[in-house]
Amino acid sequence: MKIGLYFGSFNPVHVAHLIIANHLLNHSDLDKIWFVVSPQNPFKSGKNLLNEYHRLHLVQTAIENDVRMKASNIEFSLPKPSYTSTTLAYLAEKYPEHEFVLIMGSDSFQNLHKWKNADNIINNYEIYIYLRPGFEVDNTLQAKIKIMDAPLLQISATRIREDIKNGKSVRYVLPEAVREEIESGGYYKK
């Protein structure tokens, strides 16, 4: 089975994440997409990060009835901060029957050379890239890439958190069930 690994903080998961995942499942050779919830991204501050189990639950809520998608807590038991190369090695050992592909935005791809063990990732994994405004794909790394013409939506988790904190509506940028969970849990209010 060919599985796309969509890594992220998902703080919170929003409709742009889901639209990209759905687009890739509809318009590529991927069989499934796993949303890999990262407990701590080494490039981001953990200051505004909702607890990883809450974020995992929000992803599970968002994709609840779509059997093509899975919320993965695989990085919760691995050393922190989470390094993609460590996760990939673990997954390859645990699931040798699957072929794993990375899913990332063109903004992340521009920084791939800074990642831990980037050469191992570049040499051993295919990368499906969705374009982000202002970030062209320059494949000087000679990675095995596929550029996916996914819909461009400028929805920011940072903006969503700010809007929640300021008492503004986040309807339509979050799946309704996720919005209800965030509201009932009082997440991002502080």
Foldseek 3Di string as FASTA:
>chain_A
DEEEEEEDQCLPPWVVNVQQLVLCCVPHPHQAYEYANFQADPVDDCPQRDGSVLRLVLVCQQCVPPPRYHYDPQNVPPDPPDAPVVSVVVCCVVCVVYAYAYEEELVVVVCLVVGVPSVCCQVRHEYEYEYEPPRDHDPPVNGRYHYRPGDYDPDDSVVVLVCVLVVHDPPPGHDPSSVVSCVVVVRSND
